Amino acid sequence: MIEARPDKRDNPVGRPCGRLPILDQFEDCELAEIDASEWYVPSAEEGRLLAQAGDRLGVYLMAYRTRQEAEVGRGLCNRIVPARLDPAALDEILEIETTFPDVAIVAYERPLRRR
């Protein structure tokens, strides 16, 4: 029997440091198969900022290190569909990116849609 995970999506304070809400949408065994080498691990404050922005925009945000690439076919982006953003949402994400040197912020559909 698989135990349900506590739902932390609506409680950013309850999330562990560096864990973004999007990651709560995957089982641990699924996460173990994904190459996380390109992920940027945010501080607690940065994680809150990204979680709040994602909530406002109705998407999941993920932070990636810009000079790092996942093994071909093993990245998170190979498993889920990116969000389509209107110009205002894109501007907000671009503004957030200015506070994260060498980090790209990517928006994914919420709820997640798998490829």
Foldseek 3Di string as FASTA:
>chain_A
DDDDDPQCLVPLVPDDQQDANVVSVDDPVLVVQAFCPFFDRHGSVLNVVQSVLCVVQQWGKTKTQQVDDGDPCRHPCQWWAFDDDDPVSVVVLVVSVVVPPRIHMTTGHVVTDTD
